[in-house]
Amino acid sequence: MPGYDLHTHSTFSDGTATPAENVALARERGLEGIAVTDHDTMDGWGEALAAASDSDLRIVPGVELSAEHDGASLHVLGYWVDPTHEGLRSELRRLHDTRFRRGEMIVEKLQALGHDISFERVRRIAGDDLIARPHIAQAMVETGIVATERDAFDSYISDDGPAYVPKHALAPVNALALIRDAGGACVLAHPGMWRGADSVPDALIEEMAAGGMAGIEVDHPDQDEDQRARYRVLAERLGLVATGASDCHGARYDFRLGSETTPSVLVDELRRRASP
């Protein structure tokens, strides 16, 4: 399977596989490389690099940075950022702390709705890493509130759900500026999944492209063919690199690593566009 999977998650955020396990799966499936893009943390880079060190698999260090537009979550991917950049490190620390309190508040809302769910269980599921909504969804399934994690999002914790709590994250253009200042290349993640199934407004994508955004995630398992065609045209018009990635979360989405990929020539172009 040629190409790079430029969007993967591990146990350092809300994935179920370790970085080393993702590397092993990528090698098994014949990928050329994978990006390590956990939510709001760079902590998984070292394990992935070590696991791939005795192979030809290339690791693209990255992060999926939380942003917010018009009261709804929006994610931007930053590749090859400088892990010592103090501005980026400061924002990641702030987001980590915000995620903890946000998790508490979501659980409090669920309890107020009459559901028996413990924040301590959510913390145990998350382990030592940051708390994300899939951890809460897993706890909801375990306690019988819902049948599946998808049901948890659809009925309670999606951006417009009764237990939703906003992140108070950066505006997308500010997240873009931070990634560029840290020497990275910025790509807008799954633009067809804003507010659940809405599309990120074209005007915002155009503003980010004008601000130096390098690419847009076109081929994503949760974007249909019409969406992909639309974003491919938009990428061409705005001069953006059209990427493909699985957004793999391990068992949460049936180990779909490598289901969508980006050709190596486009990965090289993204690397070229990273800020000096």
Protein backbone atom coordinates (compact mmCIF):
# COMPACT_ATOMS: atom_id res chain seq x y z
CA MET A 1 0.00 0.00 0.00
CA PRO A 2 1.92 3.09 -1.19
CA GLY A 3 1.74 6.52 0.35
CA TYR A 4 1.56 8.11 3.77
CA ASP A 5 -1.28 8.10 6.27
CA LEU A 6 -1.06 11.68 7.51
CA HIS A 7 -3.55 11.54 10.38
CA THR A 8 -3.31 8.95 13.16
CA HIS A 9 -4.05 8.87 16.88
CA SER A 10 -2.62 6.79 19.69
CA THR A 11 -3.08 6.18 23.38
CA PHE A 12 -1.39 9.53 23.97
CA SER A 13 -4.77 11.07 23.09
CA ASP A 14 -7.96 9.22 22.15
CA GLY A 15 -6.65 6.29 20.13
CA THR A 16 -6.61 2.73 21.46
CA ALA A 17 -3.24 1.65 19.99
CA THR A 18 0.17 2.79 21.12
CA PRO A 19 2.43 4.66 18.67
CA ALA A 20 4.55 1.52 18.38
CA GLU A 21 1.47 -0.54 17.53
CA ASN A 22 0.50 1.98 14.86
CA VAL A 23 4.00 1.73 13.41
CA ALA A 24 3.79 -2.07 13.38
CA LEU A 25 0.43 -1.96 11.61
CA ALA A 26 1.74 0.56 9.07
CA ARG A 27 4.69 -1.70 8.28
CA GLU A 28 2.39 -4.71 7.99
CA ARG A 29 0.20 -2.82 5.50
CA GLY A 30 3.14 -1.62 3.44
CA LEU A 31 2.79 2.11 4.00
CA GLU A 32 5.67 4.44 3.17
CA GLY A 33 5.07 6.53 6.27
CA ILE A 34 2.62 7.77 8.87
CA ALA A 35 2.12 11.02 10.70
CA VAL A 36 1.80 10.99 14.48
CA THR A 37 -0.97 13.55 15.11
CA ASP A 38 -2.44 13.11 18.55
CA HIS A 39 -4.82 15.74 19.88
CA ASP A 40 -2.96 18.63 21.50
CA THR A 41 0.18 16.67 22.38
CA MET A 42 3.51 15.74 20.82
CA ASP A 43 4.33 13.13 23.45
CA GLY A 44 3.93 10.14 21.12
CA TRP A 45 6.68 11.15 18.71
CA GLY A 46 9.55 9.47 20.51
CA GLU A 47 7.91 6.07 20.75
CA ALA A 48 6.92 6.13 17.07
CA LEU A 49 10.38 7.18 15.91
CA ALA A 50 12.02 4.48 18.01
CA ALA A 51 9.63 1.82 16.74
CA ALA A 52 10.32 2.77 13.11
CA SER A 53 14.09 3.20 13.49
CA ASP A 54 14.96 -0.25 12.14
CA SER A 55 12.72 0.06 9.08
CA ASP A 56 12.15 2.18 5.98
CA LEU A 57 8.89 3.57 7.40
CA ARG A 58 9.09 7.36 7.65
CA ILE A 59 7.53 9.16 10.60
CA VAL A 60 6.05 12.62 10.08
CA PRO A 61 5.92 14.34 13.49
CA GLY A 62 2.72 16.27 13.96
CA VAL A 63 -0.10 17.39 16.22
CA GLU A 64 -3.83 17.88 15.77
CA LEU A 65 -4.36 21.26 17.34
CA SER A 66 -7.78 22.13 18.75
CA ALA A 67 -9.37 25.27 17.42
CA GLU A 68 -12.86 26.69 17.54
CA HIS A 69 -14.96 28.62 15.03
CA ASP A 70 -18.40 30.07 15.68
CA GLY A 71 -18.74 28.05 18.88
CA ALA A 72 -17.90 24.66 17.31
CA SER A 73 -14.75 22.54 17.34
CA LEU A 74 -12.44 22.69 14.35
CA HIS A 75 -9.14 20.85 14.04
CA VAL A 76 -5.93 21.82 12.28
CA LEU A 77 -2.98 19.53 11.69
CA GLY A 78 0.54 20.83 12.20
CA TYR A 79 3.41 18.84 10.67
CA TRP A 80 7.14 19.19 11.44
CA VAL A 81 6.56 21.79 14.16
CA ASP A 82 9.42 22.58 16.50
CA PRO A 83 8.66 20.70 19.76
CA THR A 84 10.68 23.26 21.75
CA HIS A 85 8.69 26.26 20.48
CA GLU A 86 7.52 27.93 23.69
CA GLY A 87 4.38 29.46 22.23
CA LEU A 88 3.18 26.09 20.97
CA ARG A 89 4.16 24.30 24.17
CA SER A 90 2.31 26.90 26.22
CA GLU A 91 -0.87 26.49 24.17
CA LEU A 92 -0.69 22.69 24.45
CA ARG A 93 -0.31 22.95 28.23
CA ARG A 94 -3.32 25.27 28.36
CA LEU A 95 -5.40 22.92 26.23
CA HIS A 96 -4.39 19.96 28.40
CA ASP A 97 -5.58 21.75 31.52
CA THR A 98 -8.75 22.94 29.76
CA ARG A 99 -9.53 19.41 28.60
CA PHE A 100 -9.40 18.13 32.18
CA ARG A 101 -11.90 20.70 33.44
CA ARG A 102 -13.99 20.31 30.31
CA GLY A 103 -14.21 16.57 30.95
CA GLU A 104 -15.39 17.22 34.48
CA MET A 105 -18.05 19.63 33.22
CA ILE A 106 -19.35 17.20 30.58
CA VAL A 107 -19.68 14.48 33.22
CA GLU A 108 -21.44 16.96 35.52
CA LYS A 109 -23.93 17.73 32.73
CA LEU A 110 -24.55 14.02 32.15
CA GLN A 111 -25.12 13.52 35.88
CA ALA A 112 -27.55 16.45 35.89
CA LEU A 113 -29.44 14.69 33.10
CA GLY A 114 -29.87 11.74 35.46
CA HIS A 115 -27.09 9.45 34.25
CA ASP A 116 -24.85 7.48 36.60
CA ILE A 117 -21.36 8.16 35.28
CA SER A 118 -18.15 8.70 37.22
CA PHE A 119 -15.41 11.13 36.27
CA GLU A 120 -12.94 8.85 38.02
CA ARG A 121 -13.81 6.12 35.51
CA VAL A 122 -13.20 8.58 32.66
CA ARG A 123 -9.80 9.41 34.14
CA ARG A 124 -8.90 5.71 34.38
CA ILE A 125 -9.85 5.18 30.73
CA ALA A 126 -7.70 8.15 29.67
CA GLY A 127 -4.79 6.97 31.81
CA ASP A 128 -1.98 9.47 32.17
CA ASP A 129 -2.87 11.24 28.93
CA LEU A 130 -5.24 14.07 28.10
CA ILE A 131 -8.99 13.59 28.47
CA ALA A 132 -11.03 13.64 25.27
CA ARG A 133 -14.67 13.08 24.45
CA PRO A 134 -14.14 9.48 23.21
CA HIS A 135 -12.98 8.58 26.73
CA ILE A 136 -16.28 9.91 28.08
CA ALA A 137 -18.15 8.08 25.33
CA GLN A 138 -16.44 4.82 26.32
CA ALA A 139 -17.48 5.34 29.94
CA MET A 140 -21.05 6.01 28.79
CA VAL A 141 -21.11 2.70 26.92
CA GLU A 142 -19.68 0.85 29.91
CA THR A 143 -22.37 2.23 32.23
CA GLY A 144 -25.19 1.48 29.80
CA ILE A 145 -26.17 5.06 29.02
CA VAL A 146 -25.77 4.35 25.30
CA ALA A 147 -25.09 1.31 23.16
CA THR A 148 -22.15 2.70 21.18
CA GLU A 149 -19.65 5.53 21.36
CA ARG A 150 -21.24 6.99 18.21
CA ASP A 151 -24.58 7.09 20.05
CA ALA A 152 -22.88 9.02 22.86
CA PHE A 153 -21.81 11.70 20.40
CA ASP A 154 -25.06 11.75 18.45
CA SER A 155 -27.31 11.99 21.50
CA TYR A 156 -25.24 13.81 24.13
CA ILE A 157 -21.72 15.13 23.57
CA SER A 158 -21.50 16.35 19.96
CA ASP A 159 -21.08 20.07 19.42
CA ASP A 160 -24.83 20.70 19.72
CA GLY A 161 -25.57 17.97 22.28
CA PRO A 162 -27.17 18.53 25.71
CA ALA A 163 -23.91 17.65 27.53
CA TYR A 164 -21.54 19.51 25.22
CA VAL A 165 -19.01 21.91 26.72
CA PRO A 166 -16.90 24.12 24.42
CA LYS A 167 -13.11 24.02 24.58
CA HIS A 168 -12.44 27.76 24.38
CA ALA A 169 -9.67 26.99 21.93
CA LEU A 170 -7.84 29.27 19.52
CA ALA A 171 -9.50 30.74 16.44
CA PRO A 172 -8.39 28.73 13.37
CA VAL A 173 -6.39 31.59 11.88
CA ASN A 174 -4.52 31.96 15.19
CA ALA A 175 -3.87 28.20 15.33
CA LEU A 176 -2.51 28.43 11.79
CA ALA A 177 -0.24 31.33 12.76
CA LEU A 178 1.05 29.40 15.77
CA ILE A 179 1.88 26.33 13.67
CA ARG A 180 3.68 28.45 11.10
CA ASP A 181 5.57 30.33 13.80
CA ALA A 182 6.67 26.94 15.16
CA GLY A 183 8.10 26.09 11.73
CA GLY A 184 5.34 23.73 10.66
CA ALA A 185 3.03 23.10 7.72
CA CYS A 186 -0.67 23.49 8.53
CA VAL A 187 -3.45 21.35 7.02
CA LEU A 188 -7.16 21.73 7.76
CA ALA A 189 -8.45 18.41 9.09
CA HIS A 190 -11.71 16.80 7.84
CA PRO A 191 -13.42 20.02 6.69
CA GLY A 192 -16.69 18.14 6.11
CA MET A 193 -17.06 17.25 9.79
CA TRP A 194 -17.52 20.69 11.34
CA ARG A 195 -20.54 20.89 13.67
CA GLY A 196 -20.97 17.17 13.11
CA ALA A 197 -21.65 16.92 9.38
CA ASP A 198 -21.50 20.56 8.27
CA SER A 199 -18.73 21.97 6.13
CA VAL A 200 -16.18 24.48 7.31
CA PRO A 201 -17.22 27.74 5.61
CA ASP A 202 -15.43 28.43 2.36
CA ALA A 203 -14.70 31.97 3.52
CA LEU A 204 -12.70 30.63 6.47
CA ILE A 205 -10.79 28.16 4.28
CA GLU A 206 -9.97 31.01 1.91
CA GLU A 207 -8.79 33.18 4.80
CA MET A 208 -6.56 30.40 6.11
CA ALA A 209 -5.16 29.73 2.63
CA ALA A 210 -4.32 33.42 2.31
CA GLY A 211 -2.61 33.20 5.71
CA GLY A 212 -0.25 30.45 4.60
CA MET A 213 -2.14 27.21 5.20
CA ALA A 214 -0.41 24.44 3.24
CA GLY A 215 -3.17 21.92 2.63
CA ILE A 216 -6.63 20.53 3.21
CA GLU A 217 -7.64 16.97 4.11
CA VAL A 218 -9.66 15.84 1.09
CA ASP A 219 -9.67 12.04 1.24
CA HIS A 220 -11.05 11.08 4.67
CA PRO A 221 -13.16 8.01 5.49
CA ASP A 222 -16.02 10.15 6.82
CA GLN A 223 -16.22 12.45 3.80
CA ASP A 224 -18.32 11.20 0.90
CA GLU A 225 -17.42 11.42 -2.77
CA ASP A 226 -19.33 14.67 -3.32
CA GLN A 227 -17.48 16.31 -0.43
CA ARG A 228 -14.15 15.02 -1.66
CA ALA A 229 -14.79 16.35 -5.16
CA ARG A 230 -15.76 19.72 -3.75
CA TYR A 231 -12.67 20.01 -1.54
CA ARG A 232 -10.40 18.86 -4.35
CA VAL A 233 -11.68 21.67 -6.55
CA LEU A 234 -11.30 24.12 -3.66
CA ALA A 235 -7.73 22.93 -3.02
CA GLU A 236 -6.82 23.43 -6.67
CA ARG A 237 -8.37 26.91 -6.74
CA LEU A 238 -6.56 28.00 -3.58
CA GLY A 239 -3.25 26.30 -4.31
CA LEU A 240 -3.52 23.89 -1.37
CA VAL A 241 -2.08 20.39 -1.14
CA ALA A 242 -4.96 17.87 -1.15
CA THR A 243 -4.12 15.22 1.44
CA GLY A 244 -5.56 11.83 2.31
CA ALA A 245 -5.55 10.18 5.73
CA SER A 246 -7.45 7.63 7.78
CA ASP A 247 -7.80 9.57 11.05
CA CYS A 248 -7.12 6.20 12.64
CA HIS A 249 -8.11 5.81 16.31
CA GLY A 250 -7.28 2.12 16.60
CA ALA A 251 -10.21 -0.09 17.58
CA ARG A 252 -12.55 2.90 17.77
CA TYR A 253 -12.79 2.97 13.98
CA ASP A 254 -11.88 -0.64 13.16
CA PHE A 255 -8.14 -0.13 12.77
CA ARG A 256 -8.57 1.75 9.49
CA LEU A 257 -4.95 2.93 9.32
CA GLY A 258 -3.90 3.28 5.69
CA SER A 259 -7.46 3.32 4.34
CA GLU A 260 -6.70 6.76 2.87
CA THR A 261 -3.22 7.96 2.00
CA THR A 262 -1.23 10.84 0.53
CA PRO A 263 1.31 10.20 -2.27
CA SER A 264 4.93 10.77 -1.27
CA VAL A 265 5.33 13.56 -3.82
CA LEU A 266 2.61 15.55 -2.03
CA VAL A 267 4.16 14.84 1.37
CA ASP A 268 7.40 16.27 0.01
CA GLU A 269 5.49 19.34 -1.17
CA LEU A 270 3.97 19.80 2.28
CA ARG A 271 7.43 19.54 3.79
CA ARG A 272 8.67 22.18 1.39
CA ARG A 273 5.86 24.49 2.51
CA ALA A 274 6.70 24.19 6.21
CA SER A 275 7.83 27.54 7.57
CA PRO A 276 11.62 27.93 7.79
